[in-house]
PDB file of N, CA and C in Angstrom:
ATOM      1  N   MET A   1     122.426 -71.147  62.236  1.00  0.00           N
ATOM      2  CA  MET A   1     121.576 -72.178  62.806  1.00  0.00           C
ATOM      3  C   MET A   1     120.877 -72.920  61.670  1.00  0.00           C
ATOM      4  N   ALA A   2     120.894 -74.218  61.733  1.00  0.00           N
ATOM      5  CA  ALA A   2     120.270 -75.042  60.702  1.00  0.00           C
ATOM      6  C   ALA A   2     118.754 -74.904  60.745  1.00  0.00           C
ATOM      7  N   ASN A   3     118.150 -75.056  59.599  1.00  0.00           N
ATOM      8  CA  ASN A   3     116.693 -74.985  59.510  1.00  0.00           C
ATOM      9  C   ASN A   3     116.077 -76.210  60.192  1.00  0.00           C
ATOM     10  N   PRO A   4     115.280 -76.009  61.250  1.00  0.00           N
ATOM     11  CA  PRO A   4     114.675 -77.154  61.926  1.00  0.00           C
ATOM     12  C   PRO A   4     113.662 -77.883  61.037  1.00  0.00           C
ATOM     13  N   ARG A   5     113.275 -77.252  59.950  1.00  0.00           N
ATOM     14  CA  ARG A   5     112.297 -77.866  59.044  1.00  0.00           C
ATOM     15  C   ARG A   5     112.963 -78.427  57.789  1.00  0.00           C
ATOM     16  N   ALA A   6     114.212 -78.826  57.924  1.00  0.00           N
ATOM     17  CA  ALA A   6     114.945 -79.387  56.791  1.00  0.00           C
ATOM     18  C   ALA A   6     114.253 -80.643  56.254  1.00  0.00           C
ATOM     19  N   LYS A   7     113.650 -81.427  57.137  1.00  0.00           N
ATOM     20  CA  LYS A   7     112.925 -82.635  56.713  1.00  0.00           C
ATOM     21  C   LYS A   7     111.754 -82.243  55.809  1.00  0.00           C
ATOM     22  N   PHE A   8     111.077 -81.164  56.148  1.00  0.00           N
ATOM     23  CA  PHE A   8     109.978 -80.656  55.329  1.00  0.00           C
ATOM     24  C   PHE A   8     110.499 -80.397  53.914  1.00  0.00           C
ATOM     25  N   LYS A   9     111.615 -79.693  53.816  1.00  0.00           N
ATOM     26  CA  LYS A   9     112.172 -79.352  52.510  1.00  0.00           C
ATOM     27  C   LYS A   9     112.548 -80.609  51.730  1.00  0.00           C
ATOM     28  N   THR A  10     113.177 -81.558  52.397  1.00  0.00           N
ATOM     29  CA  THR A  10     113.573 -82.806  51.738  1.00  0.00           C
ATOM     30  C   THR A  10     112.361 -83.554  51.199  1.00  0.00           C
ATOM     31  N   LEU A  11     111.333 -83.690  52.032  1.00  0.00           N
ATOM     32  CA  LEU A  11     110.123 -84.392  51.601  1.00  0.00           C
ATOM     33  C   LEU A  11     109.411 -83.631  50.487  1.00  0.00           C
ATOM     34  N   ARG A  12     109.392 -82.322  50.584  1.00  0.00           N
ATOM     35  CA  ARG A  12     108.761 -81.504  49.545  1.00  0.00           C
ATOM     36  C   ARG A  12     109.493 -81.673  48.213  1.00  0.00           C
ATOM     37  N   GLN A  13     110.817 -81.679  48.255  1.00  0.00           N
ATOM     38  CA  GLN A  13     111.605 -81.841  47.037  1.00  0.00           C
ATOM     39  C   GLN A  13     111.341 -83.191  46.372  1.00  0.00           C
ATOM     40  N   GLU A  14     111.055 -84.212  47.176  1.00  0.00           N
ATOM     41  CA  GLU A  14     110.719 -85.520  46.626  1.00  0.00           C
ATOM     42  C   GLU A  14     109.396 -85.475  45.859  1.00  0.00           C
ATOM     43  N   LYS A  15     108.510 -84.569  46.259  1.00  0.00           N
ATOM     44  CA  LYS A  15     107.200 -84.423  45.605  1.00  0.00           C
ATOM     45  C   LYS A  15     107.260 -83.491  44.403  1.00  0.00           C
ATOM     46  N   GLY A  16     108.243 -82.595  44.369  1.00  0.00           N
ATOM     47  CA  GLY A  16     108.365 -81.672  43.242  1.00  0.00           C
ATOM     48  C   GLY A  16     108.779 -80.283  43.681  1.00  0.00           C
ATOM     49  N   THR A  17     108.564 -79.334  42.785  1.00  0.00           N
ATOM     50  CA  THR A  17     108.938 -77.944  43.040  1.00  0.00           C
ATOM     51  C   THR A  17     108.005 -77.324  44.076  1.00  0.00           C
ATOM     52  N   GLN A  18     108.422 -76.169  44.608  1.00  0.00           N
ATOM     53  CA  GLN A  18     107.548 -75.445  45.538  1.00  0.00           C
ATOM     54  C   GLN A  18     106.240 -75.086  44.849  1.00  0.00           C
ATOM     55  N   LYS A  19     106.328 -74.695  43.591  1.00  0.00           N
ATOM     56  CA  LYS A  19     105.120 -74.323  42.854  1.00  0.00           C
ATOM     57  C   LYS A  19     104.149 -75.497  42.754  1.00  0.00           C
ATOM     58  N   LYS A  20     104.641 -76.676  42.377  1.00  0.00           N
ATOM     59  CA  LYS A  20     103.782 -77.851  42.226  1.00  0.00           C
ATOM     60  C   LYS A  20     103.156 -78.256  43.557  1.00  0.00           C
ATOM     61  N   VAL A  21     103.984 -78.318  44.595  1.00  0.00           N
ATOM     62  CA  VAL A  21     103.490 -78.742  45.908  1.00  0.00           C
ATOM     63  C   VAL A  21     102.476 -77.734  46.450  1.00  0.00           C
ATOM     64  N   ALA A  22     102.746 -76.456  46.278  1.00  0.00           N
ATOM     65  CA  ALA A  22     101.798 -75.424  46.721  1.00  0.00           C
ATOM     66  C   ALA A  22     100.456 -75.601  46.009  1.00  0.00           C
ATOM     67  N   GLU A  23     100.507 -75.836  44.713  1.00  0.00           N
ATOM     68  CA  GLU A  23      99.267 -76.064  43.959  1.00  0.00           C
ATOM     69  C   GLU A  23      98.546 -77.304  44.467  1.00  0.00           C
ATOM     70  N   ASP A  24      99.284 -78.377  44.703  1.00  0.00           N
ATOM     71  CA  ASP A  24      98.690 -79.616  45.211  1.00  0.00           C
ATOM     72  C   ASP A  24      98.022 -79.413  46.566  1.00  0.00           C
ATOM     73  N   LEU A  25      98.620 -78.554  47.404  1.00  0.00           N
ATOM     74  CA  LEU A  25      98.078 -78.302  48.746  1.00  0.00           C
ATOM     75  C   LEU A  25      97.030 -77.196  48.762  1.00  0.00           C
ATOM     76  N   GLY A  26      96.904 -76.472  47.654  1.00  0.00           N
ATOM     77  CA  GLY A  26      95.915 -75.403  47.584  1.00  0.00           C
ATOM     78  C   GLY A  26      96.324 -74.138  48.316  1.00  0.00           C
ATOM     79  N   ILE A  27      97.638 -73.866  48.335  1.00  0.00           N
ATOM     80  CA  ILE A  27      98.151 -72.656  48.976  1.00  0.00           C
ATOM     81  C   ILE A  27      99.074 -71.946  47.985  1.00  0.00           C
ATOM     82  N   THR A  28      99.480 -70.742  48.344  1.00  0.00           N
ATOM     83  CA  THR A  28     100.394 -70.005  47.479  1.00  0.00           C
ATOM     84  C   THR A  28     101.818 -70.536  47.664  1.00  0.00           C
ATOM     85  N   GLU A  29     102.613 -70.297  46.657  1.00  0.00           N
ATOM     86  CA  GLU A  29     104.024 -70.672  46.727  1.00  0.00           C
ATOM     87  C   GLU A  29     104.721 -69.920  47.861  1.00  0.00           C
ATOM     88  N   THR A  30     104.333 -68.674  48.068  1.00  0.00           N
ATOM     89  CA  THR A  30     104.902 -67.870  49.151  1.00  0.00           C
ATOM     90  C   THR A  30     104.587 -68.488  50.507  1.00  0.00           C
ATOM     91  N   HIS A  31     103.345 -68.911  50.693  1.00  0.00           N
ATOM     92  CA  HIS A  31     102.954 -69.533  51.970  1.00  0.00           C
ATOM     93  C   HIS A  31     103.745 -70.814  52.191  1.00  0.00           C
ATOM     94  N   LEU A  32     103.882 -71.628  51.158  1.00  0.00           N
ATOM     95  CA  LEU A  32     104.656 -72.860  51.291  1.00  0.00           C
ATOM     96  C   LEU A  32     106.097 -72.545  51.675  1.00  0.00           C
ATOM     97  N   ARG A  33     106.687 -71.573  51.015  1.00  0.00           N
ATOM     98  CA  ARG A  33     108.072 -71.180  51.306  1.00  0.00           C
ATOM     99  C   ARG A  33     108.205 -70.726  52.769  1.00  0.00           C
ATOM    100  N   GLU A  34     107.234 -69.965  53.261  1.00  0.00           N
ATOM    101  CA  GLU A  34     107.269 -69.501  54.656  1.00  0.00           C
ATOM    102  C   GLU A  34     107.118 -70.663  55.630  1.00  0.00           C
ATOM    103  N   LEU A  35     106.265 -71.624  55.295  1.00  0.00           N
ATOM    104  CA  LEU A  35     106.120 -72.812  56.136  1.00  0.00           C
ATOM    105  C   LEU A  35     107.417 -73.605  56.157  1.00  0.00           C
ATOM    106  N   GLU A  36     107.999 -73.794  54.993  1.00  0.00           N
ATOM    107  CA  GLU A  36     109.222 -74.578  54.844  1.00  0.00           C
ATOM    108  C   GLU A  36     110.403 -73.939  55.565  1.00  0.00           C
ATOM    109  N   ASN A  37     110.456 -72.620  55.589  1.00  0.00           N
ATOM    110  CA  ASN A  37     111.584 -71.913  56.201  1.00  0.00           C
ATOM    111  C   ASN A  37     111.362 -71.549  57.666  1.00  0.00           C
ATOM    112  N   GLY A  38     110.213 -71.927  58.223  1.00  0.00           N
ATOM    113  CA  GLY A  38     109.957 -71.686  59.634  1.00  0.00           C
ATOM    114  C   GLY A  38     109.438 -70.307  59.971  1.00  0.00           C
ATOM    115  N   ARG A  39     109.010 -69.544  58.971  1.00  0.00           N
ATOM    116  CA  ARG A  39     108.485 -68.204  59.224  1.00  0.00           C
ATOM    117  C   ARG A  39     106.972 -68.195  59.409  1.00  0.00           C
ATOM    118  N   SER A  40     106.348 -69.356  59.233  1.00  0.00           N
ATOM    119  CA  SER A  40     104.900 -69.457  59.370  1.00  0.00           C
ATOM    120  C   SER A  40     104.566 -70.801  60.009  1.00  0.00           C
ATOM    121  N   VAL A  41     103.425 -70.853  60.664  1.00  0.00           N
ATOM    122  CA  VAL A  41     102.950 -72.073  61.303  1.00  0.00           C
ATOM    123  C   VAL A  41     101.614 -72.441  60.665  1.00  0.00           C
ATOM    124  N   PRO A  42     101.444 -73.701  60.269  1.00  0.00           N
ATOM    125  CA  PRO A  42     100.190 -74.078  59.627  1.00  0.00           C
ATOM    126  C   PRO A  42      99.053 -74.187  60.625  1.00  0.00           C
ATOM    127  N   GLY A  43      97.846 -73.928  60.144  1.00  0.00           N
ATOM    128  CA  GLY A  43      96.657 -74.181  60.945  1.00  0.00           C
ATOM    129  C   GLY A  43      96.437 -75.682  61.034  1.00  0.00           C
ATOM    130  N   THR A  44      95.492 -76.095  61.843  1.00  0.00           N
ATOM    131  CA  THR A  44      95.250 -77.521  62.068  1.00  0.00           C
ATOM    132  C   THR A  44      94.919 -78.272  60.786  1.00  0.00           C
ATOM    133  N   LYS A  45      94.002 -77.750  59.981  1.00  0.00           N
ATOM    134  CA  LYS A  45      93.623 -78.442  58.748  1.00  0.00           C
ATOM    135  C   LYS A  45      94.801 -78.542  57.789  1.00  0.00           C
ATOM    136  N   MET A  46      95.569 -77.473  57.664  1.00  0.00           N
ATOM    137  CA  MET A  46      96.719 -77.493  56.773  1.00  0.00           C
ATOM    138  C   MET A  46      97.784 -78.448  57.301  1.00  0.00           C
ATOM    139  N   LEU A  47      97.976 -78.481  58.593  1.00  0.00           N
ATOM    140  CA  LEU A  47      98.949 -79.384  59.196  1.00  0.00           C
ATOM    141  C   LEU A  47      98.617 -80.831  58.836  1.00  0.00           C
ATOM    142  N   ILE A  48      97.370 -81.194  58.973  1.00  0.00           N
ATOM    143  CA  ILE A  48      96.944 -82.561  58.659  1.00  0.00           C
ATOM    144  C   ILE A  48      97.068 -82.830  57.161  1.00  0.00           C
ATOM    145  N   ARG A  49      96.706 -81.855  56.341  1.00  0.00           N
ATOM    146  CA  ARG A  49      96.837 -82.014  54.887  1.00  0.00           C
ATOM    147  C   ARG A  49      98.299 -82.248  54.504  1.00  0.00           C
ATOM    148  N   ILE A  50      99.214 -81.488  55.113  1.00  0.00           N
ATOM    149  CA  ILE A  50     100.645 -81.631  54.827  1.00  0.00           C
ATOM    150  C   ILE A  50     101.151 -82.999  55.289  1.00  0.00           C
ATOM    151  N   GLU A  51     100.719 -83.444  56.461  1.00  0.00           N
ATOM    152  CA  GLU A  51     101.107 -84.767  56.960  1.00  0.00           C
ATOM    153  C   GLU A  51     100.737 -85.848  55.949  1.00  0.00           C
ATOM    154  N   HIS A  52      99.495 -85.814  55.508  1.00  0.00           N
ATOM    155  CA  HIS A  52      99.028 -86.827  54.553  1.00  0.00           C
ATOM    156  C   HIS A  52      99.768 -86.723  53.227  1.00  0.00           C
ATOM    157  N   TYR A  53      99.944 -85.529  52.755  1.00  0.00           N
ATOM    158  CA  TYR A  53     100.595 -85.300  51.457  1.00  0.00           C
ATOM    159  C   TYR A  53     102.047 -85.769  51.463  1.00  0.00           C
ATOM    160  N   LEU A  54     102.779 -85.437  52.513  1.00  0.00           N
ATOM    161  CA  LEU A  54     104.194 -85.778  52.579  1.00  0.00           C
ATOM    162  C   LEU A  54     104.449 -87.160  53.182  1.00  0.00           C
ATOM    163  N   GLY A  55     103.435 -87.740  53.818  1.00  0.00           N
ATOM    164  CA  GLY A  55     103.588 -89.068  54.395  1.00  0.00           C
ATOM    165  C   GLY A  55     104.483 -89.107  55.614  1.00  0.00           C
ATOM    166  N   ALA A  56     104.425 -88.053  56.412  1.00  0.00           N
ATOM    167  CA  ALA A  56     105.242 -87.969  57.623  1.00  0.00           C
ATOM    168  C   ALA A  56     104.428 -87.281  58.719  1.00  0.00           C
ATOM    169  N   SER A  57     104.829 -87.492  59.956  1.00  0.00           N
ATOM    170  CA  SER A  57     104.121 -86.891  61.075  1.00  0.00           C
ATOM    171  C   SER A  57     104.452 -85.409  61.212  1.00  0.00           C
ATOM    172  N   ALA A  58     103.555 -84.698  61.844  1.00  0.00           N
ATOM    173  CA  ALA A  58     103.769 -83.272  62.093  1.00  0.00           C
ATOM    174  C   ALA A  58     105.043 -83.053  62.898  1.00  0.00           C
ATOM    175  N   LYS A  59     105.318 -83.946  63.819  1.00  0.00           N
ATOM    176  CA  LYS A  59     106.520 -83.805  64.655  1.00  0.00           C
ATOM    177  C   LYS A  59     107.797 -83.932  63.828  1.00  0.00           C
ATOM    178  N   GLU A  60     107.766 -84.737  62.767  1.00  0.00           N
ATOM    179  CA  GLU A  60     108.914 -84.855  61.871  1.00  0.00           C
ATOM    180  C   GLU A  60     109.055 -83.618  60.982  1.00  0.00           C
ATOM    181  N   ILE A  61     107.920 -83.125  60.499  1.00  0.00           N
ATOM    182  CA  ILE A  61     107.912 -82.023  59.544  1.00  0.00           C
ATOM    183  C   ILE A  61     108.130 -80.674  60.220  1.00  0.00           C
ATOM    184  N   PHE A  62     107.523 -80.489  61.387  1.00  0.00           N
ATOM    185  CA  PHE A  62     107.587 -79.222  62.130  1.00  0.00           C
ATOM    186  C   PHE A  62     108.125 -79.453  63.546  1.00  0.00           C
ATOM    187  N   PRO A  63     109.343 -79.957  63.689  1.00  0.00           N
ATOM    188  CA  PRO A  63     109.849 -80.263  65.038  1.00  0.00           C
ATOM    189  C   PRO A  63     109.947 -79.036  65.936  1.00  0.00           C
ATOM    190  N   ASP A  64     110.139 -77.870  65.339  1.00  0.00           N
ATOM    191  CA  ASP A  64     110.288 -76.647  66.136  1.00  0.00           C
ATOM    192  C   ASP A  64     109.037 -76.311  66.933  1.00  0.00           C
ATOM    193  N   ILE A  65     107.864 -76.645  66.431  1.00  0.00           N
ATOM    194  CA  ILE A  65     106.646 -76.287  67.170  1.00  0.00           C
ATOM    195  C   ILE A  65     106.377 -77.230  68.338  1.00  0.00           C
ATOM    196  N   TYR A  66     107.178 -78.272  68.456  1.00  0.00           N
ATOM    197  CA  TYR A  66     107.047 -79.203  69.573  1.00  0.00           C
ATOM    198  C   TYR A  66     108.042 -78.910  70.691  1.00  0.00           C
ATOM    199  N   ARG A  67     108.844 -77.882  70.519  1.00  0.00           N
ATOM    200  CA  ARG A  67     109.818 -77.503  71.544  1.00  0.00           C
ATOM    201  C   ARG A  67     109.199 -76.446  72.459  1.00  0.00           C
ATOM    202  N   PRO A  68     109.391 -76.559  73.773  1.00  0.00           N
ATOM    203  CA  PRO A  68     108.811 -75.583  74.707  1.00  0.00           C
ATOM    204  C   PRO A  68     109.179 -74.144  74.396  1.00  0.00           C
ATOM    205  N   GLU A  69     110.399 -73.903  73.940  1.00  0.00           N
ATOM    206  CA  GLU A  69     110.842 -72.534  73.668  1.00  0.00           C
ATOM    207  C   GLU A  69     110.079 -71.891  72.502  1.00  0.00           C
ATOM    208  N   PHE A  70     109.437 -72.697  71.683  1.00  0.00           N
ATOM    209  CA  PHE A  70     108.641 -72.168  70.585  1.00  0.00           C
ATOM    210  C   PHE A  70     107.561 -71.219  71.110  1.00  0.00           C
ATOM    211  N   PHE A  71     107.007 -71.550  72.270  1.00  0.00           N
ATOM    212  CA  PHE A  71     105.910 -70.767  72.831  1.00  0.00           C
ATOM    213  C   PHE A  71     106.376 -69.543  73.604  1.00  0.00           C
ATOM    214  N   LEU A  72     107.671 -69.366  73.700  1.00  0.00           N
ATOM    215  CA  LEU A  72     108.216 -68.199  74.400  1.00  0.00           C
ATOM    216  C   LEU A  72     108.502 -67.045  73.433  1.00  0.00           C
ATOM    217  N   LYS A  73     108.341 -67.282  72.144  1.00  0.00           N
ATOM    218  CA  LYS A  73     108.613 -66.253  71.148  1.00  0.00           C
ATOM    219  C   LYS A  73     107.556 -65.173  71.172  1.00  0.00           C
TER     220      LYS A  73
END
């Protein structure tokens, strides 16, 4: 199954390495990797920070959390 957060990865790569982007966002590289791979969900403040940083909407970056089945997990 393809990563539903592939757009996140593409936009992040345009900004730099995981290490650089994590530092820019004030989070650990591990947390960024988990967000990017769909193993973690950002809190509201982090979601907004990521939107502004990457210049894309939350729905583009995290499409999986907008699907009804997300809440059945």
